[in-house]
Amino acid sequence: MSTKEKIREKVILKEATTRNYEIIVYNDDVNTFDHVIDTLIRVCEHTPEQAEQCSLIVHYNGKCTVKTGILEKLKQQCTQLLEAGLSAEII
């Protein structure tokens, strides 16, 4: 096996073992659309359009996946969402 093939194999193996997690935001009767949108833009780095779409999905479906990624980064973002008063969890 060539060095190039070994490197490619390691990359594929690493990708296969890295699990992506999701931050789910749940609907509530407390937060306004503007607050949810502003928070998603600030914490999750959403565009205004993304944040608005997510807020509508949360409103009509009761929940929405707002971010996916590695657990370490999502923990920080989920904590910030919770501190902002949103109902969220990582799954």
C-alpha atoms as a PDB file:
ATOM      1  CA  MET A   1       0.000   0.000   0.000  1.00  0.00           C
ATOM      2  CA  SER A   2       1.403   3.393  -0.962  1.00  0.00           C
ATOM      3  CA  THR A   3       1.760   6.285   1.461  1.00  0.00           C
ATOM      4  CA  LYS A   4      -1.030   8.131  -0.344  1.00  0.00           C
ATOM      5  CA  GLU A   5      -3.382   5.163   0.077  1.00  0.00           C
ATOM      6  CA  LYS A   6      -2.507   4.862   3.798  1.00  0.00           C
ATOM      7  CA  ILE A   7      -3.268   8.547   4.372  1.00  0.00           C
ATOM      8  CA  ARG A   8      -6.564   8.238   2.504  1.00  0.00           C
ATOM      9  CA  GLU A   9      -7.478   5.170   4.576  1.00  0.00           C
ATOM     10  CA  LYS A  10      -6.779   7.054   7.826  1.00  0.00           C
ATOM     11  CA  VAL A  11      -8.928   9.982   6.702  1.00  0.00           C
ATOM     12  CA  ILE A  12     -11.815   7.695   5.788  1.00  0.00           C
ATOM     13  CA  LEU A  13     -11.519   5.862   9.095  1.00  0.00           C
ATOM     14  CA  LYS A  14     -11.501   9.134  11.053  1.00  0.00           C
ATOM     15  CA  GLU A  15     -14.578  10.392   9.183  1.00  0.00           C
ATOM     16  CA  ALA A  16     -16.388   7.134   9.880  1.00  0.00           C
ATOM     17  CA  THR A  17     -15.713   7.318  13.627  1.00  0.00           C
ATOM     18  CA  THR A  18     -16.632  10.993  14.110  1.00  0.00           C
ATOM     19  CA  ARG A  19     -20.249  11.270  15.199  1.00  0.00           C
ATOM     20  CA  ASN A  20     -22.259  14.368  14.462  1.00  0.00           C
ATOM     21  CA  TYR A  21     -24.653  15.550  17.137  1.00  0.00           C
ATOM     22  CA  GLU A  22     -27.630  17.893  16.768  1.00  0.00           C
ATOM     23  CA  ILE A  23     -28.941  20.844  18.723  1.00  0.00           C
ATOM     24  CA  ILE A  24     -32.729  20.713  18.828  1.00  0.00           C
ATOM     25  CA  VAL A  25     -34.697  23.838  19.747  1.00  0.00           C
ATOM     26  CA  TYR A  26     -38.225  23.306  21.063  1.00  0.00           C
ATOM     27  CA  ASN A  27     -41.283  25.532  20.875  1.00  0.00           C
ATOM     28  CA  ASP A  28     -42.406  27.448  23.935  1.00  0.00           C
ATOM     29  CA  ASP A  29     -44.962  30.083  24.807  1.00  0.00           C
ATOM     30  CA  VAL A  30     -42.400  32.530  26.180  1.00  0.00           C
ATOM     31  CA  ASN A  31     -39.938  33.625  23.498  1.00  0.00           C
ATOM     32  CA  THR A  32     -40.816  35.925  20.620  1.00  0.00           C
ATOM     33  CA  PHE A  33     -39.898  35.167  17.025  1.00  0.00           C
ATOM     34  CA  ASP A  34     -37.482  38.101  17.055  1.00  0.00           C
ATOM     35  CA  HIS A  35     -35.688  36.798  20.143  1.00  0.00           C
ATOM     36  CA  VAL A  36     -35.340  33.282  18.691  1.00  0.00           C
ATOM     37  CA  ILE A  37     -34.121  34.665  15.354  1.00  0.00           C
ATOM     38  CA  ASP A  38     -31.614  37.034  16.964  1.00  0.00           C
ATOM     39  CA  THR A  39     -30.321  34.270  19.232  1.00  0.00           C
ATOM     40  CA  LEU A  40     -29.869  31.784  16.380  1.00  0.00           C
ATOM     41  CA  ILE A  41     -27.976  34.391  14.369  1.00  0.00           C
ATOM     42  CA  ARG A  42     -25.705  35.246  17.311  1.00  0.00           C
ATOM     43  CA  VAL A  43     -25.120  31.764  18.765  1.00  0.00           C
ATOM     44  CA  CYS A  44     -25.412  29.406  15.786  1.00  0.00           C
ATOM     45  CA  GLU A  45     -24.092  31.819  13.162  1.00  0.00           C
ATOM     46  CA  HIS A  46     -27.247  31.473  11.083  1.00  0.00           C
ATOM     47  CA  THR A  47     -28.081  33.871   8.306  1.00  0.00           C
ATOM     48  CA  PRO A  48     -31.237  35.898   8.978  1.00  0.00           C
ATOM     49  CA  GLU A  49     -33.083  33.700   6.472  1.00  0.00           C
ATOM     50  CA  GLN A  50     -31.937  30.465   8.139  1.00  0.00           C
ATOM     51  CA  ALA A  51     -32.875  31.748  11.566  1.00  0.00           C
ATOM     52  CA  GLU A  52     -36.315  32.836  10.396  1.00  0.00           C
ATOM     53  CA  GLN A  53     -36.958  29.471   8.739  1.00  0.00           C
ATOM     54  CA  CYS A  54     -35.867  27.604  11.866  1.00  0.00           C
ATOM     55  CA  SER A  55     -38.116  29.750  14.056  1.00  0.00           C
ATOM     56  CA  LEU A  56     -41.094  28.962  11.812  1.00  0.00           C
ATOM     57  CA  ILE A  57     -40.307  25.235  11.854  1.00  0.00           C
ATOM     58  CA  VAL A  58     -40.075  25.345  15.651  1.00  0.00           C
ATOM     59  CA  HIS A  59     -43.406  27.177  15.829  1.00  0.00           C
ATOM     60  CA  TYR A  60     -45.318  24.858  13.510  1.00  0.00           C
ATOM     61  CA  ASN A  61     -43.608  21.506  14.170  1.00  0.00           C
ATOM     62  CA  GLY A  62     -42.732  21.965  17.825  1.00  0.00           C
ATOM     63  CA  LYS A  63     -39.000  21.524  17.281  1.00  0.00           C
ATOM     64  CA  CYS A  64     -36.185  22.006  14.789  1.00  0.00           C
ATOM     65  CA  THR A  65     -32.584  20.899  14.394  1.00  0.00           C
ATOM     66  CA  VAL A  66     -30.711  24.192  14.356  1.00  0.00           C
ATOM     67  CA  LYS A  67     -27.107  22.974  14.309  1.00  0.00           C
ATOM     68  CA  THR A  68     -25.148  19.776  13.711  1.00  0.00           C
ATOM     69  CA  GLY A  69     -21.528  19.082  14.467  1.00  0.00           C
ATOM     70  CA  ILE A  70     -19.042  17.760  16.962  1.00  0.00           C
ATOM     71  CA  LEU A  71     -20.136  17.555  20.572  1.00  0.00           C
ATOM     72  CA  GLU A  72     -17.538  19.917  22.032  1.00  0.00           C
ATOM     73  CA  LYS A  73     -18.613  22.900  19.921  1.00  0.00           C
ATOM     74  CA  LEU A  74     -22.325  22.143  20.266  1.00  0.00           C
ATOM     75  CA  LYS A  75     -22.112  22.036  24.074  1.00  0.00           C
ATOM     76  CA  GLN A  76     -21.018  25.667  24.138  1.00  0.00           C
ATOM     77  CA  GLN A  77     -23.698  26.739  21.688  1.00  0.00           C
ATOM     78  CA  CYS A  78     -26.461  24.816  23.457  1.00  0.00           C
ATOM     79  CA  THR A  79     -25.462  26.393  26.768  1.00  0.00           C
ATOM     80  CA  GLN A  80     -25.725  29.843  25.180  1.00  0.00           C
ATOM     81  CA  LEU A  81     -29.164  29.023  23.763  1.00  0.00           C
ATOM     82  CA  LEU A  82     -30.336  27.869  27.191  1.00  0.00           C
ATOM     83  CA  GLU A  83     -28.886  30.988  28.842  1.00  0.00           C
ATOM     84  CA  ALA A  84     -30.871  33.064  26.333  1.00  0.00           C
ATOM     85  CA  GLY A  85     -34.056  31.346  27.544  1.00  0.00           C
ATOM     86  CA  LEU A  86     -34.598  28.973  24.628  1.00  0.00           C
ATOM     87  CA  SER A  87     -35.553  25.356  25.206  1.00  0.00           C
ATOM     88  CA  ALA A  88     -32.823  23.250  23.594  1.00  0.00           C
ATOM     89  CA  GLU A  89     -30.939  19.982  23.912  1.00  0.00           C
ATOM     90  CA  ILE A  90     -28.217  18.017  22.180  1.00  0.00           C
ATOM     91  CA  ILE A  91     -29.050  14.608  20.770  1.00  0.00           C
END
